[in-house]
Structures are given as C-alpha cells and as structure tokens.
Amino acid sequence: VLQRADFWQRAQRHTLNDRQRRVLERMSGVFESYLTNSKYAALAKCSPDSALRDIRELVEWGLLARNAGGGRSTSYRLAP
C-alpha cells in the first residue's frame, strides 16, 4: 500500500489528463499484464496516436517504465 501511495504522490507533481489518470488507476489496481499502446488506447478510449503521446509523457515523468524489447512488442509497466 505504501508503494501505491508513493506512486500517486509522484503522479500529483504532473498535470495528468483524464485518459492518463484512468489508465494509471487501472494499472495501480489489479492489472496483471504489461501495458501496450493498443491496450492503452482501448482502456483510455482514444486513438493509437493519442495513446502514444500519453505514454511518452508518462515515461518522461517517470510514472511508466519501458520493458525490454521494442518495435511492435514494446510494453510498459508502472515505474518503481
């Protein structure tokens, strides 16, 4: 529980849009797999381009971390 509180303290330093907040809330709950661009787009109900922009911001802010691999298999997890 403490890790989740620390995560949300870090998240509050940034202006998250509704899509970002919705996806991060889902991931910080019971989310058992990694996040991909297409999963983000489906969860946030947005275009793949918007999903990629949101993900890039979240990575830049240190809220998401990129997993090993790249290209079509790029996936993300909550940053420690």
N, C-alpha and C. Protein backbone atom coordinates (compact mmCIF):
# COMPACT_ATOMS: atom_id res chain seq x y z
N VAL A 1 0.83 -1.19 0.00
CA VAL A 1 0.00 0.00 0.00
C VAL A 1 0.88 1.26 0.00
N LEU A 2 1.98 1.21 0.72
CA LEU A 2 2.87 2.36 0.77
C LEU A 2 3.42 2.69 -0.61
N GLN A 3 3.78 1.66 -1.40
CA GLN A 3 4.29 1.90 -2.74
C GLN A 3 3.26 2.61 -3.59
N ARG A 4 2.01 2.22 -3.46
CA ARG A 4 0.95 2.85 -4.24
C ARG A 4 0.81 4.32 -3.84
N ALA A 5 0.89 4.60 -2.56
CA ALA A 5 0.80 5.99 -2.09
C ALA A 5 1.97 6.81 -2.61
N ASP A 6 3.17 6.22 -2.60
CA ASP A 6 4.34 6.92 -3.14
C ASP A 6 4.16 7.21 -4.62
N PHE A 7 3.62 6.23 -5.34
CA PHE A 7 3.40 6.41 -6.77
C PHE A 7 2.46 7.59 -7.03
N TRP A 8 1.35 7.64 -6.30
CA TRP A 8 0.38 8.71 -6.53
C TRP A 8 0.91 10.07 -6.07
N GLN A 9 1.82 10.08 -5.08
CA GLN A 9 2.47 11.34 -4.70
C GLN A 9 3.30 11.86 -5.87
N ARG A 10 4.04 10.95 -6.52
CA ARG A 10 4.84 11.35 -7.69
C ARG A 10 3.93 11.81 -8.82
N ALA A 11 2.81 11.12 -9.01
CA ALA A 11 1.90 11.46 -10.10
C ALA A 11 1.28 12.84 -9.91
N GLN A 12 1.05 13.24 -8.68
CA GLN A 12 0.43 14.53 -8.40
C GLN A 12 1.32 15.71 -8.77
N ARG A 13 2.60 15.45 -9.01
CA ARG A 13 3.51 16.53 -9.41
C ARG A 13 3.28 16.96 -10.86
N HIS A 14 2.49 16.18 -11.58
CA HIS A 14 2.26 16.43 -13.00
C HIS A 14 0.78 16.64 -13.27
N THR A 15 0.49 17.31 -14.36
CA THR A 15 -0.90 17.51 -14.75
C THR A 15 -1.31 16.37 -15.65
N LEU A 16 -1.94 15.37 -15.06
CA LEU A 16 -2.39 14.21 -15.82
C LEU A 16 -3.71 14.53 -16.50
N ASN A 17 -3.87 14.08 -17.74
CA ASN A 17 -5.17 14.23 -18.37
C ASN A 17 -6.07 13.08 -17.92
N ASP A 18 -7.34 13.15 -18.26
CA ASP A 18 -8.30 12.14 -17.80
C ASP A 18 -7.91 10.74 -18.27
N ARG A 19 -7.42 10.63 -19.51
CA ARG A 19 -7.03 9.32 -20.03
C ARG A 19 -5.87 8.74 -19.22
N GLN A 20 -4.87 9.57 -18.96
CA GLN A 20 -3.71 9.10 -18.20
C GLN A 20 -4.11 8.66 -16.80
N ARG A 21 -4.93 9.46 -16.16
CA ARG A 21 -5.38 9.13 -14.81
C ARG A 21 -6.16 7.81 -14.80
N ARG A 22 -7.05 7.63 -15.76
CA ARG A 22 -7.87 6.41 -15.85
C ARG A 22 -6.98 5.17 -16.00
N VAL A 23 -6.00 5.23 -16.90
CA VAL A 23 -5.13 4.09 -17.14
C VAL A 23 -4.23 3.81 -15.94
N LEU A 24 -3.67 4.85 -15.34
CA LEU A 24 -2.81 4.65 -14.18
C LEU A 24 -3.60 4.08 -13.00
N GLU A 25 -4.82 4.52 -12.82
CA GLU A 25 -5.66 3.96 -11.74
C GLU A 25 -5.89 2.48 -11.98
N ARG A 26 -6.15 2.12 -13.21
CA ARG A 26 -6.37 0.71 -13.56
C ARG A 26 -5.11 -0.10 -13.33
N MET A 27 -3.97 0.44 -13.73
CA MET A 27 -2.70 -0.29 -13.57
C MET A 27 -2.28 -0.41 -12.12
N SER A 28 -2.60 0.57 -11.30
CA SER A 28 -2.19 0.51 -9.90
C SER A 28 -3.10 -0.40 -9.08
N GLY A 29 -4.20 -0.81 -9.67
CA GLY A 29 -5.10 -1.77 -9.02
C GLY A 29 -4.67 -3.18 -9.36
N VAL A 30 -5.58 -3.97 -9.86
CA VAL A 30 -5.29 -5.35 -10.22
C VAL A 30 -5.12 -5.42 -11.74
N PHE A 31 -3.91 -5.16 -12.19
CA PHE A 31 -3.59 -5.17 -13.61
C PHE A 31 -2.46 -6.17 -13.76
N GLU A 32 -2.74 -7.34 -14.31
CA GLU A 32 -1.79 -8.43 -14.24
C GLU A 32 -0.88 -8.56 -15.45
N SER A 33 -0.99 -7.68 -16.41
CA SER A 33 -0.10 -7.79 -17.57
C SER A 33 0.53 -6.43 -17.84
N TYR A 34 1.38 -6.41 -18.84
CA TYR A 34 2.02 -5.16 -19.21
C TYR A 34 1.12 -4.33 -20.09
N LEU A 35 1.40 -3.06 -20.14
CA LEU A 35 0.62 -2.13 -20.94
C LEU A 35 1.28 -1.97 -22.31
N THR A 36 0.50 -2.04 -23.34
CA THR A 36 0.98 -1.77 -24.70
C THR A 36 0.22 -0.56 -25.22
N ASN A 37 0.66 -0.04 -26.34
CA ASN A 37 -0.01 1.11 -26.94
C ASN A 37 -1.47 0.77 -27.25
N SER A 38 -1.72 -0.41 -27.80
CA SER A 38 -3.10 -0.78 -28.15
C SER A 38 -3.96 -0.98 -26.90
N LYS A 39 -3.39 -1.55 -25.84
CA LYS A 39 -4.16 -1.70 -24.59
C LYS A 39 -4.50 -0.32 -24.00
N TYR A 40 -3.51 0.59 -24.05
CA TYR A 40 -3.75 1.94 -23.55
C TYR A 40 -4.89 2.58 -24.33
N ALA A 41 -4.83 2.49 -25.66
CA ALA A 41 -5.86 3.10 -26.50
C ALA A 41 -7.24 2.53 -26.16
N ALA A 42 -7.31 1.23 -25.92
CA ALA A 42 -8.60 0.60 -25.58
C ALA A 42 -9.08 1.05 -24.20
N LEU A 43 -8.19 1.06 -23.21
CA LEU A 43 -8.57 1.47 -21.85
C LEU A 43 -8.98 2.94 -21.80
N ALA A 44 -8.25 3.77 -22.53
CA ALA A 44 -8.49 5.22 -22.48
C ALA A 44 -9.52 5.67 -23.51
N LYS A 45 -9.93 4.75 -24.38
CA LYS A 45 -10.90 5.07 -25.44
C LYS A 45 -10.42 6.24 -26.28
N CYS A 46 -9.19 6.07 -26.82
CA CYS A 46 -8.59 7.12 -27.64
C CYS A 46 -7.89 6.49 -28.84
N SER A 47 -7.37 7.32 -29.70
CA SER A 47 -6.66 6.83 -30.88
C SER A 47 -5.28 6.31 -30.47
N PRO A 48 -4.69 5.45 -31.30
CA PRO A 48 -3.32 4.98 -31.01
C PRO A 48 -2.31 6.13 -30.95
N ASP A 49 -2.50 7.17 -31.76
CA ASP A 49 -1.59 8.32 -31.71
C ASP A 49 -1.68 9.04 -30.38
N SER A 50 -2.90 9.25 -29.88
CA SER A 50 -3.07 9.89 -28.56
C SER A 50 -2.48 9.01 -27.47
N ALA A 51 -2.68 7.70 -27.59
CA ALA A 51 -2.14 6.76 -26.60
C ALA A 51 -0.61 6.88 -26.56
N LEU A 52 0.02 6.93 -27.71
CA LEU A 52 1.48 7.02 -27.75
C LEU A 52 1.97 8.33 -27.14
N ARG A 53 1.29 9.43 -27.42
CA ARG A 53 1.67 10.72 -26.82
C ARG A 53 1.55 10.65 -25.29
N ASP A 54 0.44 10.10 -24.81
CA ASP A 54 0.23 9.99 -23.36
C ASP A 54 1.31 9.11 -22.73
N ILE A 55 1.59 7.97 -23.35
CA ILE A 55 2.59 7.04 -22.81
C ILE A 55 3.95 7.71 -22.76
N ARG A 56 4.32 8.42 -23.82
CA ARG A 56 5.62 9.10 -23.84
C ARG A 56 5.74 10.10 -22.69
N GLU A 57 4.67 10.84 -22.42
CA GLU A 57 4.69 11.78 -21.29
C GLU A 57 4.88 11.03 -19.97
N LEU A 58 4.13 9.94 -19.80
CA LEU A 58 4.21 9.19 -18.55
C LEU A 58 5.59 8.59 -18.34
N VAL A 59 6.24 8.16 -19.41
CA VAL A 59 7.61 7.65 -19.32
C VAL A 59 8.56 8.79 -18.96
N GLU A 60 8.39 9.92 -19.63
CA GLU A 60 9.24 11.10 -19.38
C GLU A 60 9.12 11.55 -17.92
N TRP A 61 7.93 11.48 -17.37
CA TRP A 61 7.69 11.90 -15.98
C TRP A 61 8.11 10.85 -14.97
N GLY A 62 8.52 9.67 -15.43
CA GLY A 62 8.96 8.62 -14.52
C GLY A 62 7.83 7.85 -13.88
N LEU A 63 6.64 7.88 -14.48
CA LEU A 63 5.50 7.14 -13.93
C LEU A 63 5.35 5.77 -14.58
N LEU A 64 5.78 5.65 -15.84
CA LEU A 64 5.81 4.36 -16.53
C LEU A 64 7.25 4.08 -16.91
N ALA A 65 7.60 2.80 -16.94
CA ALA A 65 8.93 2.38 -17.38
C ALA A 65 8.76 1.44 -18.57
N ARG A 66 9.64 1.57 -19.52
CA ARG A 66 9.59 0.74 -20.71
C ARG A 66 10.24 -0.61 -20.42
N ASN A 67 9.60 -1.69 -20.83
CA ASN A 67 10.16 -3.02 -20.67
C ASN A 67 11.17 -3.29 -21.79
N ALA A 68 11.98 -4.30 -21.61
CA ALA A 68 12.94 -4.69 -22.65
C ALA A 68 12.18 -5.08 -23.91
N GLY A 69 12.81 -4.92 -25.03
CA GLY A 69 12.14 -5.20 -26.30
C GLY A 69 11.73 -3.90 -26.94
N GLY A 70 11.29 -3.98 -28.13
CA GLY A 70 10.90 -2.76 -28.82
C GLY A 70 10.06 -3.06 -30.03
N GLY A 71 9.87 -2.06 -30.84
CA GLY A 71 9.05 -2.23 -32.03
C GLY A 71 7.62 -2.54 -31.66
N ARG A 72 7.04 -3.50 -32.32
CA ARG A 72 5.64 -3.86 -32.07
C ARG A 72 5.43 -4.51 -30.71
N SER A 73 6.52 -4.99 -30.11
CA SER A 73 6.38 -5.67 -28.81
C SER A 73 6.69 -4.74 -27.64
N THR A 74 6.79 -3.44 -27.87
CA THR A 74 7.08 -2.50 -26.79
C THR A 74 5.97 -2.55 -25.75
N SER A 75 6.35 -2.68 -24.49
CA SER A 75 5.37 -2.69 -23.42
C SER A 75 5.92 -1.88 -22.26
N TYR A 76 5.02 -1.54 -21.35
CA TYR A 76 5.35 -0.65 -20.24
C TYR A 76 4.79 -1.20 -18.94
N ARG A 77 5.39 -0.77 -17.84
CA ARG A 77 4.92 -1.13 -16.51
C ARG A 77 4.98 0.12 -15.64
N LEU A 78 4.33 0.08 -14.49
CA LEU A 78 4.44 1.20 -13.56
C LEU A 78 5.89 1.31 -13.12
N ALA A 79 6.42 2.51 -13.10
CA ALA A 79 7.80 2.72 -12.67
C ALA A 79 7.92 2.46 -11.18
N PRO A 80 9.04 1.88 -10.77
CA PRO A 80 9.22 1.59 -9.33
C PRO A 80 9.39 2.87 -8.53
